[in-house]
N, C-alpha and C. Protein backbone atom coordinates (compact mmCIF):
# COMPACT_ATOMS: atom_id res chain seq x y z
N MET A 1 4.53 -17.96 23.60
CA MET A 1 4.29 -17.43 22.29
C MET A 1 5.36 -17.51 21.36
N ASN A 2 4.67 -17.25 19.97
CA ASN A 2 5.66 -17.47 18.85
C ASN A 2 5.94 -15.94 18.46
N ILE A 3 7.05 -15.40 18.83
CA ILE A 3 7.22 -13.90 18.29
C ILE A 3 8.63 -13.97 17.37
N THR A 4 8.46 -12.84 16.44
CA THR A 4 9.29 -12.26 15.47
C THR A 4 9.56 -11.03 15.71
N VAL A 5 10.97 -11.25 15.84
CA VAL A 5 11.68 -9.84 16.09
C VAL A 5 12.31 -9.12 14.53
N PHE A 6 12.08 -7.85 14.26
CA PHE A 6 12.92 -7.20 13.45
C PHE A 6 13.79 -6.53 14.38
N GLY A 7 14.79 -6.39 13.84
CA GLY A 7 16.05 -5.35 14.28
C GLY A 7 16.65 -5.75 15.47
N ALA A 8 16.95 -7.52 15.45
CA ALA A 8 16.94 -8.21 16.59
C ALA A 8 18.28 -7.97 16.85
N THR A 9 19.35 -7.89 16.07
CA THR A 9 20.86 -7.59 16.05
C THR A 9 21.33 -6.15 16.55
N GLY A 10 20.19 -5.16 16.75
CA GLY A 10 20.65 -3.68 17.62
C GLY A 10 20.19 -3.99 19.02
N ALA A 11 20.53 -3.08 19.82
CA ALA A 11 20.53 -2.80 21.53
C ALA A 11 19.22 -3.35 21.83
N ILE A 12 18.38 -2.83 21.41
CA ILE A 12 17.12 -2.80 21.80
C ILE A 12 16.46 -4.30 21.69
N GLY A 13 16.74 -4.43 20.16
CA GLY A 13 16.16 -5.86 19.70
C GLY A 13 16.74 -6.94 20.48
N GLN A 14 18.02 -6.67 20.66
CA GLN A 14 18.79 -7.87 21.55
C GLN A 14 17.99 -8.37 22.74
N LEU A 15 17.93 -6.77 23.83
CA LEU A 15 17.13 -7.19 24.80
C LEU A 15 15.96 -7.67 24.59
N VAL A 16 14.81 -7.16 23.84
CA VAL A 16 13.69 -7.71 23.60
C VAL A 16 13.77 -9.41 23.40
N THR A 17 14.61 -9.67 22.34
CA THR A 17 15.05 -11.25 22.22
C THR A 17 15.14 -11.81 23.56
N GLN A 18 15.95 -11.52 24.46
CA GLN A 18 16.41 -12.24 25.69
C GLN A 18 15.17 -12.14 26.32
N LEU A 19 14.48 -11.34 26.52
CA LEU A 19 13.37 -11.15 27.64
C LEU A 19 12.56 -12.26 27.17
N ALA A 20 12.18 -12.27 25.91
CA ALA A 20 11.13 -13.47 25.31
C ALA A 20 11.69 -14.62 25.70
N LEU A 21 12.94 -15.08 25.58
CA LEU A 21 13.46 -16.35 25.74
C LEU A 21 13.61 -16.41 27.14
N ASP A 22 13.69 -15.66 27.49
CA ASP A 22 13.62 -15.84 29.29
C ASP A 22 12.57 -16.15 29.77
N HIS A 23 11.52 -15.90 29.18
CA HIS A 23 10.16 -16.33 29.63
C HIS A 23 9.48 -17.43 28.94
N GLY A 24 10.47 -18.04 28.32
CA GLY A 24 9.93 -19.09 27.42
C GLY A 24 9.42 -19.00 26.27
N ASP A 25 9.38 -18.05 25.68
CA ASP A 25 8.95 -18.02 24.48
C ASP A 25 9.58 -18.43 23.31
N PHE A 26 8.95 -18.52 21.81
CA PHE A 26 9.95 -18.98 20.92
C PHE A 26 10.28 -17.72 19.70
N VAL A 27 11.32 -17.52 19.66
CA VAL A 27 11.73 -15.97 19.09
C VAL A 27 12.23 -16.60 17.55
N LYS A 28 11.49 -15.81 16.78
CA LYS A 28 12.18 -15.78 15.23
C LYS A 28 12.93 -14.41 14.87
N ALA A 29 13.93 -14.59 14.73
CA ALA A 29 14.72 -13.24 14.91
C ALA A 29 14.95 -12.84 13.25
N TYR A 30 14.35 -11.84 12.55
CA TYR A 30 14.89 -11.48 11.38
C TYR A 30 16.11 -10.33 11.32
N VAL A 31 17.22 -11.09 10.50
CA VAL A 31 18.55 -10.31 10.72
C VAL A 31 19.08 -10.36 9.27
N ARG A 32 19.52 -9.47 9.17
CA ARG A 32 20.49 -8.89 7.54
C ARG A 32 21.81 -9.85 7.76
N THR A 33 22.58 -9.70 8.96
CA THR A 33 23.78 -10.12 8.97
C THR A 33 23.87 -11.21 10.64
N PRO A 34 23.68 -12.36 10.30
CA PRO A 34 23.55 -13.34 11.07
C PRO A 34 24.51 -13.31 12.34
N LYS A 35 26.00 -13.13 12.11
CA LYS A 35 26.95 -13.21 13.12
C LYS A 35 26.82 -11.88 14.08
N LYS A 36 25.67 -10.99 13.90
CA LYS A 36 25.91 -9.51 14.65
C LYS A 36 25.08 -10.10 15.96
N ILE A 37 24.57 -11.29 15.75
CA ILE A 37 23.65 -11.92 16.98
C ILE A 37 24.51 -12.59 18.08
N SER A 38 24.66 -12.66 18.71
CA SER A 38 25.54 -13.64 19.77
C SER A 38 24.51 -14.35 20.72
N LEU A 39 23.44 -14.10 20.88
CA LEU A 39 22.56 -14.99 21.46
C LEU A 39 22.39 -16.44 20.97
N LYS A 40 22.45 -17.43 21.99
CA LYS A 40 22.40 -18.68 21.59
C LYS A 40 21.31 -19.33 22.44
N HIS A 41 20.49 -20.06 21.94
CA HIS A 41 19.46 -20.64 22.74
C HIS A 41 18.70 -21.57 22.10
N PRO A 42 18.03 -22.61 22.39
CA PRO A 42 17.12 -23.87 21.51
C PRO A 42 15.77 -23.19 20.93
N ASN A 43 15.70 -22.04 21.72
CA ASN A 43 13.79 -21.44 21.37
C ASN A 43 14.29 -20.39 20.25
N LEU A 44 15.57 -20.23 19.83
CA LEU A 44 15.89 -18.82 19.15
C LEU A 44 16.15 -19.61 17.65
N SER A 45 15.46 -18.99 16.46
CA SER A 45 15.95 -19.35 15.06
C SER A 45 16.17 -18.06 14.46
N LEU A 46 16.59 -18.16 13.53
CA LEU A 46 17.00 -16.97 12.72
C LEU A 46 16.76 -16.86 11.37
N VAL A 47 15.99 -15.75 10.78
CA VAL A 47 15.80 -15.64 9.44
C VAL A 47 16.20 -14.54 8.69
N GLN A 48 17.47 -14.99 7.87
CA GLN A 48 18.39 -13.86 7.23
C GLN A 48 17.40 -13.70 5.96
N GLY A 49 17.62 -12.04 5.74
CA GLY A 49 16.84 -11.45 4.81
C GLY A 49 16.89 -9.76 4.77
N GLU A 50 16.87 -9.09 3.90
CA GLU A 50 16.97 -7.81 3.76
C GLU A 50 15.46 -7.23 3.96
N LEU A 51 15.59 -5.88 4.53
CA LEU A 51 14.18 -5.34 5.07
C LEU A 51 12.94 -5.02 3.62
N SER A 52 13.54 -5.15 2.56
CA SER A 52 13.24 -4.97 1.41
C SER A 52 12.70 -6.21 0.76
N ASN A 53 12.88 -7.25 1.28
CA ASN A 53 12.48 -8.68 0.70
C ASN A 53 11.07 -9.40 0.91
N SER A 54 10.05 -9.09 0.45
CA SER A 54 8.77 -9.54 0.87
C SER A 54 8.61 -11.06 1.25
N SER A 55 9.06 -11.73 0.19
CA SER A 55 8.96 -13.29 0.57
C SER A 55 9.24 -13.71 2.13
N THR A 56 10.82 -13.19 2.08
CA THR A 56 11.40 -13.48 3.30
C THR A 56 10.68 -13.05 4.36
N ILE A 57 10.31 -11.80 4.49
CA ILE A 57 9.68 -11.51 5.52
C ILE A 57 8.30 -12.12 5.90
N GLU A 58 7.31 -12.46 4.59
CA GLU A 58 6.43 -13.16 4.88
C GLU A 58 6.62 -14.67 5.77
N LYS A 59 8.03 -15.23 5.46
CA LYS A 59 8.48 -16.75 6.17
C LYS A 59 8.47 -16.36 7.46
N ALA A 60 9.05 -15.00 7.88
CA ALA A 60 9.19 -14.89 9.00
C ALA A 60 8.16 -14.30 10.16
N VAL A 61 7.04 -14.15 9.46
CA VAL A 61 5.97 -13.76 10.67
C VAL A 61 4.82 -14.59 10.18
N ALA A 62 4.89 -15.77 9.28
CA ALA A 62 3.77 -16.70 9.06
C ALA A 62 3.41 -17.43 10.03
N GLU A 63 4.09 -17.75 11.14
CA GLU A 63 3.67 -18.59 12.37
C GLU A 63 3.57 -17.76 13.67
N SER A 64 3.78 -16.58 13.48
CA SER A 64 3.85 -15.58 14.94
C SER A 64 2.51 -15.03 15.47
N ASP A 65 2.85 -15.22 16.73
CA ASP A 65 1.54 -14.86 17.49
C ASP A 65 1.65 -12.94 17.58
N VAL A 66 3.04 -12.90 17.49
CA VAL A 66 3.40 -11.55 17.84
C VAL A 66 4.33 -11.10 16.95
N VAL A 67 4.26 -9.85 16.41
CA VAL A 67 5.36 -9.17 15.44
C VAL A 67 5.82 -7.89 16.24
N ILE A 68 7.21 -8.24 16.58
CA ILE A 68 7.81 -6.62 17.22
C ILE A 68 8.87 -6.18 16.33
N SER A 69 8.81 -4.58 16.07
CA SER A 69 9.82 -4.24 15.21
C SER A 69 10.91 -3.02 16.05
N THR A 70 12.15 -3.47 16.48
CA THR A 70 12.61 -2.50 17.04
C THR A 70 13.52 -1.61 16.36
N LEU A 71 13.25 -1.55 14.56
CA LEU A 71 14.16 -0.83 13.65
C LEU A 71 13.83 0.67 13.98
N GLY A 72 14.57 1.74 13.89
CA GLY A 72 14.68 2.73 13.52
C GLY A 72 15.46 3.76 12.75
N PRO A 73 15.49 4.71 12.41
CA PRO A 73 16.09 5.13 11.25
C PRO A 73 17.51 5.76 11.96
N ALA A 74 18.67 5.82 11.23
CA ALA A 74 20.05 6.60 11.64
C ALA A 74 19.45 7.97 12.00
N SER A 75 20.53 8.18 12.69
CA SER A 75 20.66 9.81 13.54
C SER A 75 21.59 10.54 12.32
N ASP A 76 20.84 10.82 11.07
CA ASP A 76 21.42 11.17 9.88
C ASP A 76 20.87 12.47 9.89
N MET A 77 22.22 13.54 10.27
CA MET A 77 21.70 15.08 10.06
C MET A 77 21.86 15.61 8.49
N SER A 78 22.08 14.77 7.38
CA SER A 78 22.21 15.26 5.95
C SER A 78 20.71 16.01 5.48
N ARG A 79 20.90 17.23 4.98
CA ARG A 79 19.98 17.56 4.60
C ARG A 79 19.24 16.98 3.34
N LYS A 80 20.04 16.28 2.81
CA LYS A 80 19.52 15.53 1.94
C LYS A 80 18.81 14.04 1.73
N LEU A 81 17.70 14.03 1.48
CA LEU A 81 16.69 13.20 1.58
C LEU A 81 17.05 11.65 1.09
N LYS A 82 17.14 10.71 1.76
CA LYS A 82 17.93 9.47 0.95
C LYS A 82 17.00 8.35 1.17
N GLY A 83 15.93 8.53 1.18
CA GLY A 83 14.69 7.34 0.93
C GLY A 83 14.22 7.11 2.28
N THR A 84 13.36 6.09 2.55
CA THR A 84 12.39 6.00 3.72
C THR A 84 12.59 4.28 3.65
N PRO A 85 14.02 3.71 4.07
CA PRO A 85 13.92 2.20 4.30
C PRO A 85 13.14 1.70 5.20
N ILE A 86 13.16 2.12 6.35
CA ILE A 86 12.65 1.82 7.81
C ILE A 86 10.88 1.54 7.40
N ALA A 87 10.62 2.57 6.93
CA ALA A 87 9.28 2.98 6.66
C ALA A 87 8.45 1.90 5.57
N ASP A 88 9.27 1.68 4.77
CA ASP A 88 8.94 0.71 3.56
C ASP A 88 9.08 -0.46 4.30
N GLY A 89 10.00 -0.81 5.21
CA GLY A 89 9.94 -2.16 5.50
C GLY A 89 8.77 -2.32 6.41
N HIS A 90 8.49 -1.41 7.09
CA HIS A 90 6.91 -1.30 8.11
C HIS A 90 6.09 -1.86 7.17
N GLU A 91 5.84 -1.19 5.99
CA GLU A 91 4.42 -1.39 5.08
C GLU A 91 4.73 -3.12 4.20
N LEU A 92 5.80 -3.73 3.81
CA LEU A 92 5.97 -4.93 3.89
C LEU A 92 5.77 -5.87 5.26
N ILE A 93 6.04 -5.49 6.20
CA ILE A 93 5.90 -6.43 7.43
C ILE A 93 4.21 -6.33 7.51
N ILE A 94 3.73 -5.41 7.57
CA ILE A 94 2.11 -5.14 7.77
C ILE A 94 1.57 -5.87 6.52
N LYS A 95 1.82 -5.72 5.55
CA LYS A 95 1.53 -6.19 4.29
C LYS A 95 1.36 -8.04 4.45
N ALA A 96 2.56 -8.47 4.74
CA ALA A 96 2.93 -10.14 5.23
C ALA A 96 1.97 -10.05 6.11
N MET A 97 2.09 -9.69 7.52
CA MET A 97 1.03 -9.86 8.37
C MET A 97 -0.69 -10.15 8.20
N LYS A 98 -1.07 -9.20 7.52
CA LYS A 98 -2.03 -9.06 6.63
C LYS A 98 -2.62 -10.40 5.59
N LYS A 99 -1.38 -10.65 4.94
CA LYS A 99 -1.70 -12.20 4.15
C LYS A 99 -1.82 -13.35 5.02
N HIS A 100 -1.27 -13.48 6.12
CA HIS A 100 -0.97 -14.48 6.95
C HIS A 100 -1.90 -14.19 8.49
N ASN A 101 -3.02 -13.15 8.04
CA ASN A 101 -3.88 -13.10 9.14
C ASN A 101 -3.37 -12.90 10.51
N LYS A 102 -2.08 -12.11 10.71
CA LYS A 102 -1.70 -12.12 11.89
C LYS A 102 -2.03 -10.22 12.31
N LYS A 103 -2.19 -10.12 13.74
CA LYS A 103 -2.82 -9.01 14.18
C LYS A 103 -1.99 -8.25 15.11
N ARG A 104 -0.93 -8.70 15.88
CA ARG A 104 -0.72 -7.92 17.17
C ARG A 104 0.77 -7.43 16.34
N PHE A 105 1.00 -6.24 16.67
CA PHE A 105 2.18 -5.66 16.11
C PHE A 105 2.67 -4.63 16.81
N ILE A 106 3.84 -4.64 17.56
CA ILE A 106 4.59 -3.65 18.53
C ILE A 106 5.94 -2.87 17.58
N THR A 107 5.83 -1.56 17.64
CA THR A 107 6.76 -1.21 17.16
C THR A 107 7.37 -0.08 17.46
N LEU A 108 8.42 0.69 17.18
CA LEU A 108 9.05 1.71 17.69
C LEU A 108 9.38 3.04 16.76
N ALA A 109 9.23 3.86 17.79
CA ALA A 109 9.13 5.69 16.88
C ALA A 109 9.50 6.63 17.83
N THR A 110 9.69 7.56 17.14
CA THR A 110 9.69 8.69 18.34
C THR A 110 8.38 9.49 18.50
N PRO A 111 8.34 10.56 19.05
CA PRO A 111 6.99 11.63 19.09
C PRO A 111 6.89 12.32 17.65
N ALA A 112 8.04 12.20 16.96
CA ALA A 112 7.74 12.95 15.85
C ALA A 112 6.38 12.17 15.03
N LEU A 113 6.14 11.01 15.39
CA LEU A 113 4.99 10.17 14.97
C LEU A 113 4.16 10.62 15.79
N GLN A 114 2.99 11.44 15.68
CA GLN A 114 1.71 11.91 16.26
C GLN A 114 0.90 10.66 16.95
N SER A 115 0.30 11.13 18.17
CA SER A 115 -0.64 9.85 18.43
C SER A 115 -2.05 10.85 18.25
N ASP A 116 -3.17 10.02 17.84
CA ASP A 116 -4.40 11.20 18.30
C ASP A 116 -4.72 10.96 19.70
N ASP A 117 -4.18 10.46 20.34
CA ASP A 117 -4.36 11.01 21.80
C ASP A 117 -3.37 11.99 22.52
N ASP A 118 -2.71 12.68 21.66
CA ASP A 118 -1.41 13.36 22.49
C ASP A 118 -2.20 14.70 22.87
N LYS A 119 -1.55 15.03 24.11
CA LYS A 119 -1.87 16.43 24.48
C LYS A 119 -0.71 17.26 24.47
N LYS A 120 -0.84 18.51 24.25
CA LYS A 120 -0.09 19.73 24.00
C LYS A 120 1.07 19.33 25.31
N ASN A 121 2.23 19.03 25.20
CA ASN A 121 3.47 19.15 26.23
C ASN A 121 4.89 19.13 25.37
N MET A 122 5.95 19.32 26.36
CA MET A 122 6.91 19.34 25.52
C MET A 122 7.36 17.94 25.15
N SER A 123 7.17 17.19 25.54
CA SER A 123 7.68 15.65 25.28
C SER A 123 6.67 15.43 23.70
N THR A 124 5.59 16.04 23.53
CA THR A 124 4.71 15.74 22.11
C THR A 124 5.03 16.35 21.18
N ILE A 125 5.85 17.75 21.59
CA ILE A 125 5.67 18.71 20.40
C ILE A 125 7.38 19.01 20.08
N LEU A 126 8.02 19.03 21.04
CA LEU A 126 9.71 19.46 21.25
C LEU A 126 10.27 18.46 20.19
N PRO A 127 10.33 16.97 20.48
CA PRO A 127 10.61 16.16 19.45
C PRO A 127 10.69 15.96 18.20
N GLY A 128 9.41 16.43 17.58
CA GLY A 128 8.97 16.60 16.28
C GLY A 128 9.52 17.64 15.41
N VAL A 129 9.45 18.95 16.12
CA VAL A 129 10.14 19.95 15.89
C VAL A 129 11.64 20.12 15.67
N LEU A 130 12.32 19.33 16.51
CA LEU A 130 13.75 19.27 16.76
C LEU A 130 14.24 18.23 15.15
N ALA A 131 13.15 17.20 15.01
CA ALA A 131 13.85 16.16 14.42
C ALA A 131 13.61 16.89 12.71
N LYS A 132 12.12 17.46 12.63
CA LYS A 132 12.05 18.06 11.17
C LYS A 132 13.41 19.07 10.64
N ILE A 133 14.02 19.88 11.92
CA ILE A 133 14.86 20.70 11.60
C ILE A 133 16.34 19.99 11.52
N LEU A 134 16.67 19.17 12.23
CA LEU A 134 17.96 18.34 12.62
C LEU A 134 17.93 17.09 11.85
N LEU A 135 17.18 16.55 11.73
CA LEU A 135 17.03 15.04 11.27
C LEU A 135 15.98 15.03 10.43
N PRO A 136 16.04 15.24 9.39
CA PRO A 136 15.11 15.49 8.04
C PRO A 136 14.71 14.12 7.77
N ASN A 137 15.56 13.04 7.43
CA ASN A 137 15.70 11.89 6.99
C ASN A 137 14.64 10.89 7.89
N GLY A 138 15.16 11.05 9.22
CA GLY A 138 14.32 10.25 10.49
C GLY A 138 12.72 11.08 10.59
N TYR A 139 13.05 12.41 10.29
CA TYR A 139 11.48 12.87 10.09
C TYR A 139 10.51 12.23 9.11
N ALA A 140 11.18 12.13 7.84
CA ALA A 140 10.66 11.61 6.73
C ALA A 140 10.28 10.28 7.13
N GLU A 141 10.97 9.64 7.84
CA GLU A 141 10.79 8.03 8.43
C GLU A 141 9.67 8.11 9.04
N MET A 142 9.55 8.96 9.75
CA MET A 142 8.34 8.99 11.07
C MET A 142 7.14 9.36 10.53
N LYS A 143 7.12 10.24 9.43
CA LYS A 143 5.84 10.74 9.14
C LYS A 143 5.23 9.45 8.11
N LYS A 144 6.07 9.06 7.57
CA LYS A 144 5.51 7.67 6.41
C LYS A 144 5.10 6.68 7.30
N MET A 145 5.77 6.32 8.52
CA MET A 145 5.21 5.33 9.30
C MET A 145 4.00 5.80 9.79
N GLU A 146 3.93 6.80 10.11
CA GLU A 146 2.06 7.49 10.66
C GLU A 146 1.18 6.98 9.84
N GLY A 147 1.48 7.45 8.47
CA GLY A 147 0.52 6.94 7.73
C GLY A 147 0.17 5.27 7.43
N ILE A 148 1.29 4.47 7.58
CA ILE A 148 1.18 3.06 6.75
C ILE A 148 0.56 2.70 8.17
N ILE A 149 1.07 3.09 9.47
CA ILE A 149 0.35 2.19 10.55
C ILE A 149 -1.18 2.96 11.12
N LYS A 150 -1.34 3.99 10.94
CA LYS A 150 -2.63 4.38 11.47
C LYS A 150 -3.76 3.71 10.31
N GLN A 151 -3.20 3.55 9.03
CA GLN A 151 -3.96 2.90 7.96
C GLN A 151 -4.27 1.67 8.37
N SER A 152 -3.45 0.84 8.77
CA SER A 152 -3.54 -0.44 9.00
C SER A 152 -5.03 -1.03 9.78
N ASN A 153 -5.21 -2.06 9.71
CA ASN A 153 -6.40 -2.64 10.93
C ASN A 153 -6.03 -3.51 11.64
N LEU A 154 -4.09 -3.29 11.93
CA LEU A 154 -3.53 -4.51 12.82
C LEU A 154 -3.87 -4.04 14.25
N ASP A 155 -3.76 -4.82 15.22
CA ASP A 155 -3.95 -4.18 16.77
C ASP A 155 -2.57 -3.92 16.88
N TRP A 156 -2.09 -2.61 16.61
CA TRP A 156 -0.90 -2.12 16.97
C TRP A 156 -0.62 -1.49 17.81
N THR A 157 0.69 -1.27 18.70
CA THR A 157 0.90 -0.86 19.44
C THR A 157 2.37 -0.03 19.33
N VAL A 158 2.47 1.70 19.12
CA VAL A 158 3.75 1.94 18.80
C VAL A 158 4.34 2.31 20.10
N VAL A 159 5.37 2.18 20.51
CA VAL A 159 6.34 2.66 21.59
C VAL A 159 7.42 3.91 21.22
N ARG A 160 6.73 5.05 21.46
CA ARG A 160 7.69 6.00 21.38
C ARG A 160 8.71 6.65 22.35
N ILE A 161 9.75 6.64 21.98
CA ILE A 161 11.13 7.25 22.75
C ILE A 161 11.69 8.38 22.13
N ILE A 162 12.57 8.65 23.42
CA ILE A 162 13.23 10.26 23.17
C ILE A 162 14.56 9.92 23.70
N ASN A 163 15.70 9.83 23.45
CA ASN A 163 16.85 10.09 24.15
C ASN A 163 17.36 8.49 24.72
N PRO A 164 17.26 7.36 24.15
CA PRO A 164 17.38 5.87 24.76
C PRO A 164 18.79 5.60 25.04
N ASN A 165 19.38 6.53 25.41
CA ASN A 165 21.05 6.30 25.57
C ASN A 165 20.97 6.78 27.29
N VAL A 166 20.20 6.65 28.24
CA VAL A 166 20.38 6.90 29.61
C VAL A 166 21.03 5.40 30.14
N LYS A 167 21.96 5.44 31.05
CA LYS A 167 22.33 4.32 31.54
C LYS A 167 21.41 3.48 32.42
N TYR A 168 21.13 2.30 32.44
CA TYR A 168 20.13 1.59 33.18
C TYR A 168 20.66 1.38 34.42
N THR A 169 19.95 1.81 35.59
CA THR A 169 20.66 1.57 37.23
C THR A 169 19.43 0.98 37.64
N GLY A 170 18.49 0.15 37.11
CA GLY A 170 17.26 -0.46 38.04
C GLY A 170 16.18 0.66 38.01
N GLN A 171 16.02 1.67 37.38
CA GLN A 171 15.05 2.47 37.20
C GLN A 171 13.67 1.98 36.82
N SER A 172 12.77 2.58 36.94
CA SER A 172 11.28 2.05 36.56
C SER A 172 11.13 2.99 35.66
N TYR A 173 9.78 2.66 34.94
CA TYR A 173 9.32 3.39 33.71
C TYR A 173 8.16 3.53 33.71
N ASP A 174 7.59 4.81 33.27
CA ASP A 174 6.07 5.20 32.74
C ASP A 174 6.13 5.47 31.64
N TYR A 175 4.71 5.71 31.38
CA TYR A 175 4.20 6.31 29.74
C TYR A 175 3.19 7.57 29.99
N SER A 176 3.45 8.15 28.66
CA SER A 176 2.78 9.59 28.46
C SER A 176 2.00 9.79 27.36
N PHE A 177 1.11 10.53 27.11
CA PHE A 177 0.51 10.89 26.01
C PHE A 177 0.60 12.21 26.12
N GLY A 178 1.48 12.96 27.01
CA GLY A 178 1.68 14.38 26.95
C GLY A 178 0.44 14.77 28.13
N ASP A 179 -0.13 14.08 28.64
CA ASP A 179 -1.29 14.38 29.67
C ASP A 179 -0.49 14.39 30.85
N GLN A 180 1.00 13.91 30.97
CA GLN A 180 1.35 14.35 32.31
C GLN A 180 2.55 14.45 32.00
N SER A 181 3.66 15.14 32.91
CA SER A 181 5.04 15.09 32.47
C SER A 181 5.85 13.72 32.49
N ALA A 182 6.50 14.10 31.29
CA ALA A 182 7.60 13.30 31.23
C ALA A 182 9.06 13.50 30.57
N LYS A 183 9.86 12.71 31.32
CA LYS A 183 11.27 12.95 30.95
C LYS A 183 11.53 12.81 29.77
N ILE A 184 12.25 13.64 29.27
CA ILE A 184 12.92 13.34 28.04
C ILE A 184 14.22 12.45 27.87
N SER A 185 14.09 11.13 28.44
CA SER A 185 14.98 10.04 28.20
C SER A 185 14.39 8.49 28.76
N VAL A 186 15.15 7.84 28.23
CA VAL A 186 14.95 6.49 28.68
C VAL A 186 16.02 5.56 28.56
N SER A 187 15.95 4.34 29.11
CA SER A 187 17.02 3.26 29.21
C SER A 187 16.44 2.28 28.07
N ARG A 188 17.49 1.74 27.29
CA ARG A 188 17.09 0.96 26.35
C ARG A 188 16.69 -0.48 26.97
N GLU A 189 17.26 -0.62 27.97
CA GLU A 189 16.23 -1.92 28.99
C GLU A 189 15.22 -1.53 29.10
N ASN A 190 14.90 -0.20 29.73
CA ASN A 190 13.35 -0.12 29.96
C ASN A 190 12.58 -0.14 28.61
N VAL A 191 12.75 0.36 27.70
CA VAL A 191 12.06 0.31 26.29
C VAL A 191 12.18 -1.29 26.04
N ALA A 192 12.89 -2.07 26.21
CA ALA A 192 12.54 -3.41 25.84
C ALA A 192 11.59 -4.39 26.75
N LYS A 193 11.59 -3.96 28.10
CA LYS A 193 10.72 -4.48 28.93
C LYS A 193 9.29 -3.78 28.81
N PHE A 194 9.16 -2.51 28.08
CA PHE A 194 8.15 -2.08 27.86
C PHE A 194 7.33 -2.98 26.88
N MET A 195 8.29 -2.96 25.77
CA MET A 195 7.98 -3.29 24.45
C MET A 195 7.58 -5.07 24.63
N TYR A 196 8.14 -5.55 25.57
CA TYR A 196 7.72 -6.87 26.02
C TYR A 196 6.54 -7.19 26.63
N SER A 197 6.41 -6.25 27.68
CA SER A 197 5.04 -6.48 28.28
C SER A 197 3.72 -5.96 27.43
N ALA A 198 3.82 -5.09 26.35
CA ALA A 198 3.07 -5.01 25.79
C ALA A 198 2.32 -6.04 24.68
N ALA A 199 3.36 -7.21 24.28
CA ALA A 199 3.32 -8.04 23.52
C ALA A 199 2.31 -9.10 24.49
N ARG A 200 2.01 -8.94 25.91
CA ARG A 200 1.36 -9.67 26.77
C ARG A 200 0.14 -9.23 27.03
N ASP A 201 -0.01 -7.91 26.87
CA ASP A 201 -1.45 -6.65 27.25
C ASP A 201 -1.67 -6.48 26.08
N ASN A 202 -3.06 -6.62 26.12
CA ASN A 202 -3.92 -5.83 25.06
C ASN A 202 -4.38 -4.36 25.37
N GLN A 203 -4.01 -3.70 26.54
CA GLN A 203 -4.68 -2.63 27.23
C GLN A 203 -3.99 -1.33 26.07
N LEU A 204 -3.00 -1.30 25.16
CA LEU A 204 -2.17 -0.12 24.55
C LEU A 204 -2.53 -0.70 23.32
N ILE A 205 -3.52 -1.03 22.78
CA ILE A 205 -3.62 -1.96 21.32
C ILE A 205 -4.28 -0.34 20.51
N ARG A 206 -3.53 0.21 19.54
CA ARG A 206 -3.88 1.52 18.52
C ARG A 206 -3.60 2.53 19.50
N LYS A 207 -2.60 2.29 20.45
CA LYS A 207 -2.38 3.59 21.24
C LYS A 207 -0.56 3.72 20.96
N MET A 208 0.00 4.85 21.14
CA MET A 208 1.36 5.30 20.72
C MET A 208 2.24 6.37 22.20
N PRO A 209 2.12 5.27 23.33
CA PRO A 209 2.68 5.96 24.35
C PRO A 209 3.91 6.29 24.52
N ILE A 210 4.24 7.23 25.00
CA ILE A 210 5.71 8.04 25.30
C ILE A 210 6.02 7.29 26.43
N ILE A 211 7.01 6.57 26.28
CA ILE A 211 7.95 5.82 27.50
C ILE A 211 9.01 6.78 28.24
N TYR A 212 9.43 6.98 29.39
CA TYR A 212 10.36 7.50 30.01
C TYR A 212 10.72 6.91 31.38
N ASN A 213 11.92 6.85 31.65
CA ASN A 213 12.44 6.73 32.97
C ASN A 213 11.51 7.69 34.21
N LYS A 214 11.38 7.07 35.18
CA LYS A 214 10.74 7.53 36.34
C LYS A 214 11.82 8.09 37.12
């Protein structure tokens, strides 16, 4: 596959990129600072640009089979709202995909972004409540992304995560919509594995699974 990865210099982004390269895919990594990505591979190419640059984003997605975003808002506890750069970037990515007739989009979020499939459960309710109180900037990003993604006609999957700071020791993973108990934690490695598997599987199109370590 030809895969474009946004957020490729981040921890999860680099893991997704490496998985794709290991499976023989061609990866176009969209980066603001190329020197922050240490991966070297003949199937890897870089596109340098800001998340606000629509023409560069179009260049990055023009030949893609799948677009993956591992971008997420900073854990900013400031009460002052500072804009929604991640959500705005998603809007430009989706517009670029529509322009080039690209359909498959996989992105990252938290359960503050709500799914129509959600059942009432601690994993579907508590993260949004806490984010609204403690992380108003991140909450604003999630709510704006929710509208942008749900209104698009793409074949999207939103991979929702809570506390992706667990050390990976070979744990497997599962997902929930609140219909079953889910641990409130997941390793970055398992997030990357799930996002990459979603790129090769159409079962979760227009779904928002919450991923957790088993």
